[in-house]
């Protein structure tokens, strides 16, 4: 069967799933679940995605996520799965891929199936090989819906706004699905959650979007210059907050204190937002040691990850 092209558009609601290789266990304890969520929050922020729901089971996961003004699903998932696999492999002294080669993503008809997909995801612990109570399962966002608040990266507002009674009505809606044994979601053309008319309308949208995209023949000189301009723009945005100019940040090689920390922040932001290697970032900031660049970026990322789950 031919492999389907990935739907990767702005303003799309996706149900994303991925399984581990050969049934490997990807999440063995709450610490690993929280680490995955830290990475999810980080890359959802970078690529401007809203996270509506998730469920992380031992050998697979489900995400309900929505792109906003930009496309970016493929790159978000690539970075998310790579970052978590590196963390997991180091922790368990293993090598190789943790998840199967290609994640699955389905575009959801938001008008008719937004709530159904969220319920399906939140009920997954009850359908697992070793069933768990969805109300108490640690790896699901449902526990936050139950108590009415969660981490800043969980966008609960839109789901709850669909119910006159808010939180209590949504919890009842989920429990009702368990009592009714709500079945599989309707998948059309192997990539749409919705009826055939929705799939047909969305295919027309894809064709219209692709016809308006500029032709891209690969990264030529103009692409390289564009990335340099993006890097300058990232630094300019950060520099305005702290009273330094772009050249000070780019060339302050042995800076200490405030300027030194701002350089590290800029390195981390560029690493997150551009496809640059540590070597390329070092050249841009006039740092000759690749290891120094990597150390600075890792230090900033560690601080950021710690703060995400504390918000």
C-alpha atoms as a PDB file:
ATOM      1  CA  UNK A   1       0.000   0.000   0.000  1.00  0.00           C
ATOM      2  CA  UNK A   2       1.420   3.392  -1.000  1.00  0.00           C
ATOM      3  CA  UNK A   3       2.639   5.669   1.751  1.00  0.00           C
ATOM      4  CA  UNK A   4       0.421   8.724   2.190  1.00  0.00           C
ATOM      5  CA  UNK A   5       1.939  12.176   2.080  1.00  0.00           C
ATOM      6  CA  UNK A   6       1.856  14.030   5.386  1.00  0.00           C
ATOM      7  CA  UNK A   7      -0.799  16.731   5.832  1.00  0.00           C
ATOM      8  CA  UNK A   8       1.109  19.642   7.284  1.00  0.00           C
ATOM      9  CA  UNK A   9      -0.963  22.821   7.190  1.00  0.00           C
ATOM     10  CA  UNK A  10      -1.698  25.817   9.415  1.00  0.00           C
ATOM     11  CA  UNK A  11      -4.974  25.861  11.350  1.00  0.00           C
ATOM     12  CA  UNK A  12      -5.422  22.081  11.538  1.00  0.00           C
ATOM     13  CA  UNK A  13      -6.581  19.886  14.390  1.00  0.00           C
ATOM     14  CA  UNK A  14      -4.586  16.631  14.529  1.00  0.00           C
ATOM     15  CA  UNK A  15      -4.918  13.331  16.343  1.00  0.00           C
ATOM     16  CA  UNK A  16      -1.308  12.112  16.482  1.00  0.00           C
ATOM     17  CA  UNK A  17      -0.262   8.634  17.556  1.00  0.00           C
ATOM     18  CA  UNK A  18       2.991   6.687  17.640  1.00  0.00           C
ATOM     19  CA  UNK A  19       3.993   3.218  18.812  1.00  0.00           C
ATOM     20  CA  UNK A  20       7.298   1.911  20.054  1.00  0.00           C
ATOM     21  CA  UNK A  21       9.444  -0.546  18.141  1.00  0.00           C
ATOM     22  CA  UNK A  22       8.633  -4.190  18.876  1.00  0.00           C
ATOM     23  CA  UNK A  23       6.434  -3.269  21.818  1.00  0.00           C
ATOM     24  CA  UNK A  24       9.245  -1.624  23.804  1.00  0.00           C
ATOM     25  CA  UNK A  25       8.122   0.288  26.889  1.00  0.00           C
ATOM     26  CA  UNK A  26       8.678   4.022  26.407  1.00  0.00           C
ATOM     27  CA  UNK A  27       7.248   5.323  29.676  1.00  0.00           C
ATOM     28  CA  UNK A  28       8.206   3.327  32.755  1.00  0.00           C
ATOM     29  CA  UNK A  29       7.488   5.865  35.508  1.00  0.00           C
ATOM     30  CA  UNK A  30       6.113   9.378  36.184  1.00  0.00           C
ATOM     31  CA  UNK A  31       9.550  10.971  35.749  1.00  0.00           C
ATOM     32  CA  UNK A  32       9.738   9.788  32.146  1.00  0.00           C
ATOM     33  CA  UNK A  33       6.168  10.875  31.450  1.00  0.00           C
ATOM     34  CA  UNK A  34       6.951  14.340  32.780  1.00  0.00           C
ATOM     35  CA  UNK A  35      10.115  14.511  30.676  1.00  0.00           C
ATOM     36  CA  UNK A  36       8.158  13.743  27.518  1.00  0.00           C
ATOM     37  CA  UNK A  37       5.642  16.443  28.459  1.00  0.00           C
ATOM     38  CA  UNK A  38       8.453  18.938  29.013  1.00  0.00           C
ATOM     39  CA  UNK A  39       9.670  18.321  25.473  1.00  0.00           C
ATOM     40  CA  UNK A  40       6.108  18.454  24.149  1.00  0.00           C
ATOM     41  CA  UNK A  41       5.552  21.827  25.812  1.00  0.00           C
ATOM     42  CA  UNK A  42       8.857  23.145  24.500  1.00  0.00           C
ATOM     43  CA  UNK A  43       8.269  22.260  20.857  1.00  0.00           C
ATOM     44  CA  UNK A  44       4.575  23.148  20.917  1.00  0.00           C
ATOM     45  CA  UNK A  45       5.674  26.625  21.996  1.00  0.00           C
ATOM     46  CA  UNK A  46       8.349  26.878  19.304  1.00  0.00           C
ATOM     47  CA  UNK A  47       6.008  25.777  16.507  1.00  0.00           C
ATOM     48  CA  UNK A  48       2.912  27.552  17.879  1.00  0.00           C
ATOM     49  CA  UNK A  49       0.742  24.481  18.504  1.00  0.00           C
ATOM     50  CA  UNK A  50      -2.048  24.151  21.027  1.00  0.00           C
ATOM     51  CA  UNK A  51      -2.126  20.948  23.065  1.00  0.00           C
ATOM     52  CA  UNK A  52      -5.709  19.983  23.918  1.00  0.00           C
ATOM     53  CA  UNK A  53      -5.213  16.464  25.293  1.00  0.00           C
ATOM     54  CA  UNK A  54      -2.742  13.602  25.590  1.00  0.00           C
ATOM     55  CA  UNK A  55      -2.445  10.055  26.848  1.00  0.00           C
ATOM     56  CA  UNK A  56       0.951   8.363  27.226  1.00  0.00           C
ATOM     57  CA  UNK A  57       0.653   4.593  27.552  1.00  0.00           C
ATOM     58  CA  UNK A  58       3.587   2.217  28.071  1.00  0.00           C
ATOM     59  CA  UNK A  59       4.123   1.394  24.388  1.00  0.00           C
ATOM     60  CA  UNK A  60       2.313   4.187  22.510  1.00  0.00           C
ATOM     61  CA  UNK A  61       0.841   7.659  22.902  1.00  0.00           C
ATOM     62  CA  UNK A  62      -2.009   9.858  21.668  1.00  0.00           C
ATOM     63  CA  UNK A  63      -1.940  13.636  21.241  1.00  0.00           C
ATOM     64  CA  UNK A  64      -4.719  16.054  20.305  1.00  0.00           C
ATOM     65  CA  UNK A  65      -2.947  19.124  19.005  1.00  0.00           C
ATOM     66  CA  UNK A  66      -3.732  22.081  16.776  1.00  0.00           C
ATOM     67  CA  UNK A  67      -1.518  24.150  14.499  1.00  0.00           C
ATOM     68  CA  UNK A  68      -2.118  27.890  14.604  1.00  0.00           C
ATOM     69  CA  UNK A  69      -0.672  30.369  12.119  1.00  0.00           C
ATOM     70  CA  UNK A  70       2.073  28.171  10.671  1.00  0.00           C
ATOM     71  CA  UNK A  71       2.558  24.629   9.446  1.00  0.00           C
ATOM     72  CA  UNK A  72       5.089  22.577  11.363  1.00  0.00           C
ATOM     73  CA  UNK A  73       3.699  19.230  12.531  1.00  0.00           C
ATOM     74  CA  UNK A  74       6.442  17.110  10.949  1.00  0.00           C
ATOM     75  CA  UNK A  75       9.301  19.142  12.380  1.00  0.00           C
ATOM     76  CA  UNK A  76       7.659  19.391  15.802  1.00  0.00           C
ATOM     77  CA  UNK A  77       7.242  15.618  15.998  1.00  0.00           C
ATOM     78  CA  UNK A  78      10.728  14.949  14.652  1.00  0.00           C
ATOM     79  CA  UNK A  79      12.282  17.081  17.374  1.00  0.00           C
ATOM     80  CA  UNK A  80       9.979  15.739  20.081  1.00  0.00           C
ATOM     81  CA  UNK A  81      10.657  12.077  19.342  1.00  0.00           C
ATOM     82  CA  UNK A  82      14.373  12.638  18.819  1.00  0.00           C
ATOM     83  CA  UNK A  83      14.779  14.563  22.081  1.00  0.00           C
ATOM     84  CA  UNK A  84      12.856  12.010  24.123  1.00  0.00           C
ATOM     85  CA  UNK A  85      14.621   9.035  22.513  1.00  0.00           C
ATOM     86  CA  UNK A  86      18.043  10.526  23.327  1.00  0.00           C
ATOM     87  CA  UNK A  87      16.933  11.079  26.929  1.00  0.00           C
ATOM     88  CA  UNK A  88      15.431   7.577  27.228  1.00  0.00           C
ATOM     89  CA  UNK A  89      18.418   5.829  25.658  1.00  0.00           C
ATOM     90  CA  UNK A  90      20.850   7.542  27.997  1.00  0.00           C
ATOM     91  CA  UNK A  91      18.682   6.729  30.985  1.00  0.00           C
ATOM     92  CA  UNK A  92      18.362   3.042  30.065  1.00  0.00           C
ATOM     93  CA  UNK A  93      21.778   2.593  28.408  1.00  0.00           C
ATOM     94  CA  UNK A  94      20.254   1.498  25.123  1.00  0.00           C
ATOM     95  CA  UNK A  95      20.745   2.451  21.466  1.00  0.00           C
ATOM     96  CA  UNK A  96      18.633   2.907  18.388  1.00  0.00           C
ATOM     97  CA  UNK A  97      15.115   4.073  17.660  1.00  0.00           C
ATOM     98  CA  UNK A  98      12.537   3.934  20.426  1.00  0.00           C
ATOM     99  CA  UNK A  99       9.457   4.673  18.313  1.00  0.00           C
ATOM    100  CA  UNK A 100       8.444   3.243  14.949  1.00  0.00           C
ATOM    101  CA  UNK A 101       9.788   5.118  11.956  1.00  0.00           C
ATOM    102  CA  UNK A 102       6.731   7.195  11.131  1.00  0.00           C
ATOM    103  CA  UNK A 103       4.161   8.649  13.485  1.00  0.00           C
ATOM    104  CA  UNK A 104       0.495   8.611  12.442  1.00  0.00           C
ATOM    105  CA  UNK A 105      -1.478  11.815  12.139  1.00  0.00           C
ATOM    106  CA  UNK A 106      -5.150  12.289  11.314  1.00  0.00           C
ATOM    107  CA  UNK A 107      -6.797  15.616  10.530  1.00  0.00           C
ATOM    108  CA  UNK A 108      -9.881  15.933  12.728  1.00  0.00           C
ATOM    109  CA  UNK A 109     -13.168  17.524  11.732  1.00  0.00           C
ATOM    110  CA  UNK A 110     -13.197  20.035  14.556  1.00  0.00           C
ATOM    111  CA  UNK A 111     -16.856  20.931  14.173  1.00  0.00           C
ATOM    112  CA  UNK A 112     -18.130  17.370  14.657  1.00  0.00           C
ATOM    113  CA  UNK A 113     -15.361  15.269  16.222  1.00  0.00           C
ATOM    114  CA  UNK A 114     -13.256  17.530  18.440  1.00  0.00           C
ATOM    115  CA  UNK A 115     -14.943  16.335  21.623  1.00  0.00           C
ATOM    116  CA  UNK A 116     -15.199  12.712  20.472  1.00  0.00           C
ATOM    117  CA  UNK A 117     -11.452  12.518  19.853  1.00  0.00           C
ATOM    118  CA  UNK A 118     -10.646  14.100  23.212  1.00  0.00           C
ATOM    119  CA  UNK A 119     -12.898  11.532  24.925  1.00  0.00           C
ATOM    120  CA  UNK A 120     -11.358   8.681  22.935  1.00  0.00           C
ATOM    121  CA  UNK A 121      -7.871   9.776  24.043  1.00  0.00           C
ATOM    122  CA  UNK A 122      -8.844  10.198  27.689  1.00  0.00           C
ATOM    123  CA  UNK A 123     -10.490   6.750  27.783  1.00  0.00           C
ATOM    124  CA  UNK A 124      -7.438   4.953  26.380  1.00  0.00           C
ATOM    125  CA  UNK A 125      -6.151   3.748  29.772  1.00  0.00           C
ATOM    126  CA  UNK A 126      -9.364   1.761  30.207  1.00  0.00           C
ATOM    127  CA  UNK A 127      -8.814   0.041  26.843  1.00  0.00           C
ATOM    128  CA  UNK A 128      -5.160  -0.807  27.403  1.00  0.00           C
ATOM    129  CA  UNK A 129      -3.883  -4.405  27.699  1.00  0.00           C
ATOM    130  CA  UNK A 130      -3.670  -3.798  31.438  1.00  0.00           C
ATOM    131  CA  UNK A 131      -6.651  -1.480  31.997  1.00  0.00           C
ATOM    132  CA  UNK A 132      -6.331   1.491  34.328  1.00  0.00           C
ATOM    133  CA  UNK A 133      -8.913   3.903  35.673  1.00  0.00           C
ATOM    134  CA  UNK A 134      -8.900   6.978  33.377  1.00  0.00           C
ATOM    135  CA  UNK A 135      -9.628   9.199  36.388  1.00  0.00           C
ATOM    136  CA  UNK A 136      -6.403   8.265  38.159  1.00  0.00           C
ATOM    137  CA  UNK A 137      -4.054   7.409  35.280  1.00  0.00           C
ATOM    138  CA  UNK A 138      -0.933   9.579  35.647  1.00  0.00           C
ATOM    139  CA  UNK A 139      -0.008   9.689  31.951  1.00  0.00           C
ATOM    140  CA  UNK A 140      -3.229  11.363  30.788  1.00  0.00           C
ATOM    141  CA  UNK A 141      -4.312  14.992  30.637  1.00  0.00           C
ATOM    142  CA  UNK A 142      -7.711  13.899  31.969  1.00  0.00           C
ATOM    143  CA  UNK A 143      -6.431  14.222  35.541  1.00  0.00           C
ATOM    144  CA  UNK A 144      -6.023  17.959  34.928  1.00  0.00           C
ATOM    145  CA  UNK A 145      -9.533  18.252  33.495  1.00  0.00           C
ATOM    146  CA  UNK A 146     -10.841  16.496  36.588  1.00  0.00           C
ATOM    147  CA  UNK A 147      -9.354  19.041  38.957  1.00  0.00           C
ATOM    148  CA  UNK A 148      -9.903  22.051  36.712  1.00  0.00           C
ATOM    149  CA  UNK A 149      -6.361  23.298  36.172  1.00  0.00           C
ATOM    150  CA  UNK A 150      -3.142  22.082  34.633  1.00  0.00           C
ATOM    151  CA  UNK A 151       0.229  23.188  33.255  1.00  0.00           C
ATOM    152  CA  UNK A 152       0.285  26.301  31.102  1.00  0.00           C
ATOM    153  CA  UNK A 153       0.858  24.357  27.867  1.00  0.00           C
ATOM    154  CA  UNK A 154      -2.405  22.375  28.222  1.00  0.00           C
ATOM    155  CA  UNK A 155      -5.100  24.368  26.432  1.00  0.00           C
ATOM    156  CA  UNK A 156      -8.259  23.309  28.272  1.00  0.00           C
ATOM    157  CA  UNK A 157     -10.355  26.369  27.488  1.00  0.00           C
ATOM    158  CA  UNK A 158     -11.781  25.321  24.145  1.00  0.00           C
ATOM    159  CA  UNK A 159     -12.974  21.861  25.153  1.00  0.00           C
ATOM    160  CA  UNK A 160     -14.591  23.136  28.339  1.00  0.00           C
ATOM    161  CA  UNK A 161     -16.241  26.030  26.485  1.00  0.00           C
ATOM    162  CA  UNK A 162     -18.314  23.478  24.539  1.00  0.00           C
ATOM    163  CA  UNK A 163     -20.183  22.464  27.730  1.00  0.00           C
ATOM    164  CA  UNK A 164     -22.683  24.749  29.507  1.00  0.00           C
ATOM    165  CA  UNK A 165     -21.684  23.251  32.856  1.00  0.00           C
ATOM    166  CA  UNK A 166     -17.987  23.470  32.058  1.00  0.00           C
ATOM    167  CA  UNK A 167     -15.729  20.999  33.817  1.00  0.00           C
ATOM    168  CA  UNK A 168     -18.415  18.830  35.428  1.00  0.00           C
ATOM    169  CA  UNK A 169     -20.285  18.364  32.147  1.00  0.00           C
ATOM    170  CA  UNK A 170     -17.098  17.379  30.316  1.00  0.00           C
ATOM    171  CA  UNK A 171     -16.142  14.832  32.971  1.00  0.00           C
ATOM    172  CA  UNK A 172     -19.655  13.367  32.706  1.00  0.00           C
ATOM    173  CA  UNK A 173     -19.283  13.272  28.899  1.00  0.00           C
ATOM    174  CA  UNK A 174     -16.063  11.251  29.212  1.00  0.00           C
ATOM    175  CA  UNK A 175     -17.536   8.855  31.772  1.00  0.00           C
ATOM    176  CA  UNK A 176     -20.579   8.412  29.564  1.00  0.00           C
ATOM    177  CA  UNK A 177     -18.288   7.198  26.788  1.00  0.00           C
ATOM    178  CA  UNK A 178     -16.916   4.507  29.076  1.00  0.00           C
ATOM    179  CA  UNK A 179     -20.410   3.347  29.997  1.00  0.00           C
ATOM    180  CA  UNK A 180     -21.440   3.277  26.332  1.00  0.00           C
ATOM    181  CA  UNK A 181     -18.141   1.660  25.320  1.00  0.00           C
ATOM    182  CA  UNK A 182     -17.558   4.350  22.694  1.00  0.00           C
ATOM    183  CA  UNK A 183     -15.916   2.599  19.756  1.00  0.00           C
ATOM    184  CA  UNK A 184     -13.307   3.465  17.184  1.00  0.00           C
ATOM    185  CA  UNK A 185     -13.204   6.865  15.538  1.00  0.00           C
ATOM    186  CA  UNK A 186     -14.442   7.163  11.925  1.00  0.00           C
ATOM    187  CA  UNK A 187     -11.341   7.389   9.719  1.00  0.00           C
ATOM    188  CA  UNK A 188     -11.783   8.312   6.051  1.00  0.00           C
ATOM    189  CA  UNK A 189      -9.110   7.883   3.375  1.00  0.00           C
ATOM    190  CA  UNK A 190      -6.708   6.715   6.089  1.00  0.00           C
ATOM    191  CA  UNK A 191      -5.979  10.242   7.301  1.00  0.00           C
ATOM    192  CA  UNK A 192      -9.185  12.091   8.230  1.00  0.00           C
ATOM    193  CA  UNK A 193     -11.333  11.738  11.344  1.00  0.00           C
ATOM    194  CA  UNK A 194     -14.702  12.783  10.003  1.00  0.00           C
ATOM    195  CA  UNK A 195     -17.279  11.891   7.384  1.00  0.00           C
ATOM    196  CA  UNK A 196     -16.532  11.531   3.640  1.00  0.00           C
ATOM    197  CA  UNK A 197     -17.729  15.074   2.909  1.00  0.00           C
ATOM    198  CA  UNK A 198     -15.186  16.496   5.357  1.00  0.00           C
ATOM    199  CA  UNK A 199     -12.402  14.464   3.745  1.00  0.00           C
ATOM    200  CA  UNK A 200     -13.391  15.711   0.289  1.00  0.00           C
ATOM    201  CA  UNK A 201     -13.521  19.343   1.404  1.00  0.00           C
ATOM    202  CA  UNK A 202     -10.141  19.069   3.071  1.00  0.00           C
ATOM    203  CA  UNK A 203      -8.510  17.537  -0.002  1.00  0.00           C
ATOM    204  CA  UNK A 204      -9.657  20.589  -1.949  1.00  0.00           C
ATOM    205  CA  UNK A 205      -8.107  22.796   0.734  1.00  0.00           C
ATOM    206  CA  UNK A 206      -4.791  20.925   0.434  1.00  0.00           C
ATOM    207  CA  UNK A 207      -4.715  21.404  -3.345  1.00  0.00           C
ATOM    208  CA  UNK A 208      -5.526  25.087  -3.005  1.00  0.00           C
ATOM    209  CA  UNK A 209      -2.821  25.601  -0.377  1.00  0.00           C
ATOM    210  CA  UNK A 210      -0.155  23.743  -2.358  1.00  0.00           C
ATOM    211  CA  UNK A 211      -0.936  25.679  -5.535  1.00  0.00           C
ATOM    212  CA  UNK A 212      -0.150  28.932  -3.734  1.00  0.00           C
ATOM    213  CA  UNK A 213       3.153  27.809  -2.216  1.00  0.00           C
ATOM    214  CA  UNK A 214       6.336  29.032  -3.890  1.00  0.00           C
ATOM    215  CA  UNK A 215       8.488  26.415  -5.609  1.00  0.00           C
ATOM    216  CA  UNK A 216      11.393  25.297  -3.457  1.00  0.00           C
ATOM    217  CA  UNK A 217      14.353  23.715  -5.257  1.00  0.00           C
ATOM    218  CA  UNK A 218      16.488  23.193  -2.172  1.00  0.00           C
ATOM    219  CA  UNK A 219      18.653  25.348   0.085  1.00  0.00           C
ATOM    220  CA  UNK A 220      20.518  27.682  -2.206  1.00  0.00           C
ATOM    221  CA  UNK A 221      22.328  30.870  -1.356  1.00  0.00           C
ATOM    222  CA  UNK A 222      19.088  32.779  -0.813  1.00  0.00           C
ATOM    223  CA  UNK A 223      17.947  30.170   1.740  1.00  0.00           C
ATOM    224  CA  UNK A 224      21.229  30.486   3.622  1.00  0.00           C
ATOM    225  CA  UNK A 225      20.924  34.262   3.680  1.00  0.00           C
ATOM    226  CA  UNK A 226      17.351  33.945   4.867  1.00  0.00           C
ATOM    227  CA  UNK A 227      18.468  31.796   7.796  1.00  0.00           C
ATOM    228  CA  UNK A 228      21.129  34.372   8.704  1.00  0.00           C
ATOM    229  CA  UNK A 229      18.436  37.048   8.650  1.00  0.00           C
ATOM    230  CA  UNK A 230      16.231  34.875  10.873  1.00  0.00           C
ATOM    231  CA  UNK A 231      19.090  34.459  13.338  1.00  0.00           C
ATOM    232  CA  UNK A 232      19.660  38.220  13.397  1.00  0.00           C
ATOM    233  CA  UNK A 233      15.933  38.710  13.975  1.00  0.00           C
ATOM    234  CA  UNK A 234      15.937  36.261  16.893  1.00  0.00           C
ATOM    235  CA  UNK A 235      18.838  38.087  18.513  1.00  0.00           C
ATOM    236  CA  UNK A 236      17.257  41.493  17.861  1.00  0.00           C
ATOM    237  CA  UNK A 237      14.075  40.410  19.626  1.00  0.00           C
ATOM    238  CA  UNK A 238      16.002  39.253  22.694  1.00  0.00           C
ATOM    239  CA  UNK A 239      18.428  42.189  22.693  1.00  0.00           C
ATOM    240  CA  UNK A 240      15.607  44.746  22.848  1.00  0.00           C
ATOM    241  CA  UNK A 241      14.535  43.344  26.198  1.00  0.00           C
ATOM    242  CA  UNK A 242      17.969  43.678  27.758  1.00  0.00           C
ATOM    243  CA  UNK A 243      19.521  46.793  26.242  1.00  0.00           C
ATOM    244  CA  UNK A 244      22.248  45.244  24.070  1.00  0.00           C
ATOM    245  CA  UNK A 245      22.628  45.469  20.311  1.00  0.00           C
ATOM    246  CA  UNK A 246      22.931  42.539  17.926  1.00  0.00           C
ATOM    247  CA  UNK A 247      26.661  42.957  17.281  1.00  0.00           C
ATOM    248  CA  UNK A 248      27.471  42.993  20.998  1.00  0.00           C
ATOM    249  CA  UNK A 249      25.674  39.684  21.425  1.00  0.00           C
ATOM    250  CA  UNK A 250      27.200  38.084  18.331  1.00  0.00           C
ATOM    251  CA  UNK A 251      30.799  39.103  19.054  1.00  0.00           C
ATOM    252  CA  UNK A 252      31.028  39.138  22.876  1.00  0.00           C
ATOM    253  CA  UNK A 253      33.029  35.904  22.975  1.00  0.00           C
ATOM    254  CA  UNK A 254      34.342  35.996  26.554  1.00  0.00           C
ATOM    255  CA  UNK A 255      31.489  37.962  28.055  1.00  0.00           C
ATOM    256  CA  UNK A 256      30.458  37.311  31.627  1.00  0.00           C
ATOM    257  CA  UNK A 257      27.403  38.266  33.641  1.00  0.00           C
ATOM    258  CA  UNK A 258      24.323  39.547  31.883  1.00  0.00           C
ATOM    259  CA  UNK A 259      25.747  39.718  28.361  1.00  0.00           C
ATOM    260  CA  UNK A 260      27.190  36.222  28.657  1.00  0.00           C
ATOM    261  CA  UNK A 261      23.842  34.805  29.720  1.00  0.00           C
ATOM    262  CA  UNK A 262      22.034  36.606  26.881  1.00  0.00           C
ATOM    263  CA  UNK A 263      24.458  35.047  24.390  1.00  0.00           C
ATOM    264  CA  UNK A 264      23.578  31.613  25.768  1.00  0.00           C
ATOM    265  CA  UNK A 265      19.866  32.377  25.501  1.00  0.00           C
ATOM    266  CA  UNK A 266      20.318  33.422  21.873  1.00  0.00           C
ATOM    267  CA  UNK A 267      22.299  30.286  21.055  1.00  0.00           C
ATOM    268  CA  UNK A 268      19.525  28.135  22.516  1.00  0.00           C
ATOM    269  CA  UNK A 269      16.794  30.003  20.642  1.00  0.00           C
ATOM    270  CA  UNK A 270      18.625  29.686  17.327  1.00  0.00           C
ATOM    271  CA  UNK A 271      19.253  25.996  17.948  1.00  0.00           C
ATOM    272  CA  UNK A 272      15.533  25.506  18.602  1.00  0.00           C
ATOM    273  CA  UNK A 273      14.248  27.544  15.663  1.00  0.00           C
ATOM    274  CA  UNK A 274      16.789  26.978  12.893  1.00  0.00           C
ATOM    275  CA  UNK A 275      18.232  23.742  11.429  1.00  0.00           C
ATOM    276  CA  UNK A 276      21.773  24.768  12.430  1.00  0.00           C
ATOM    277  CA  UNK A 277      24.464  22.475  13.799  1.00  0.00           C
ATOM    278  CA  UNK A 278      26.485  23.380  16.895  1.00  0.00           C
ATOM    279  CA  UNK A 279      29.377  24.145  14.562  1.00  0.00           C
ATOM    280  CA  UNK A 280      27.290  26.591  12.511  1.00  0.00           C
ATOM    281  CA  UNK A 281      26.051  28.318  15.675  1.00  0.00           C
ATOM    282  CA  UNK A 282      29.643  28.539  16.929  1.00  0.00           C
ATOM    283  CA  UNK A 283      30.743  30.199  13.698  1.00  0.00           C
ATOM    284  CA  UNK A 284      27.883  32.668  13.934  1.00  0.00           C
ATOM    285  CA  UNK A 285      28.805  33.615  17.524  1.00  0.00           C
ATOM    286  CA  UNK A 286      32.598  33.446  16.933  1.00  0.00           C
ATOM    287  CA  UNK A 287      32.982  30.492  19.309  1.00  0.00           C
ATOM    288  CA  UNK A 288      35.570  27.965  18.112  1.00  0.00           C
ATOM    289  CA  UNK A 289      34.668  25.116  20.479  1.00  0.00           C
ATOM    290  CA  UNK A 290      31.639  23.061  19.442  1.00  0.00           C
ATOM    291  CA  UNK A 291      31.539  21.594  22.943  1.00  0.00           C
ATOM    292  CA  UNK A 292      31.294  25.060  24.491  1.00  0.00           C
ATOM    293  CA  UNK A 293      28.297  25.858  22.293  1.00  0.00           C
ATOM    294  CA  UNK A 294      26.633  22.549  23.188  1.00  0.00           C
ATOM    295  CA  UNK A 295      27.297  23.049  26.905  1.00  0.00           C
ATOM    296  CA  UNK A 296      25.812  26.563  26.889  1.00  0.00           C
ATOM    297  CA  UNK A 297      22.697  25.458  25.025  1.00  0.00           C
ATOM    298  CA  UNK A 298      22.150  22.419  27.240  1.00  0.00           C
ATOM    299  CA  UNK A 299      22.470  24.571  30.374  1.00  0.00           C
ATOM    300  CA  UNK A 300      19.792  27.006  29.187  1.00  0.00           C
ATOM    301  CA  UNK A 301      17.481  24.192  28.032  1.00  0.00           C
ATOM    302  CA  UNK A 302      17.798  22.427  31.386  1.00  0.00           C
ATOM    303  CA  UNK A 303      16.681  25.599  33.202  1.00  0.00           C
ATOM    304  CA  UNK A 304      13.752  26.007  30.826  1.00  0.00           C
ATOM    305  CA  UNK A 305      12.630  22.388  31.162  1.00  0.00           C
ATOM    306  CA  UNK A 306      12.683  22.639  34.934  1.00  0.00           C
ATOM    307  CA  UNK A 307      10.455  25.695  34.882  1.00  0.00           C
ATOM    308  CA  UNK A 308       7.848  24.285  32.450  1.00  0.00           C
ATOM    309  CA  UNK A 309       6.269  21.755  34.812  1.00  0.00           C
ATOM    310  CA  UNK A 310       6.447  24.195  37.724  1.00  0.00           C
ATOM    311  CA  UNK A 311       4.230  26.794  36.062  1.00  0.00           C
END
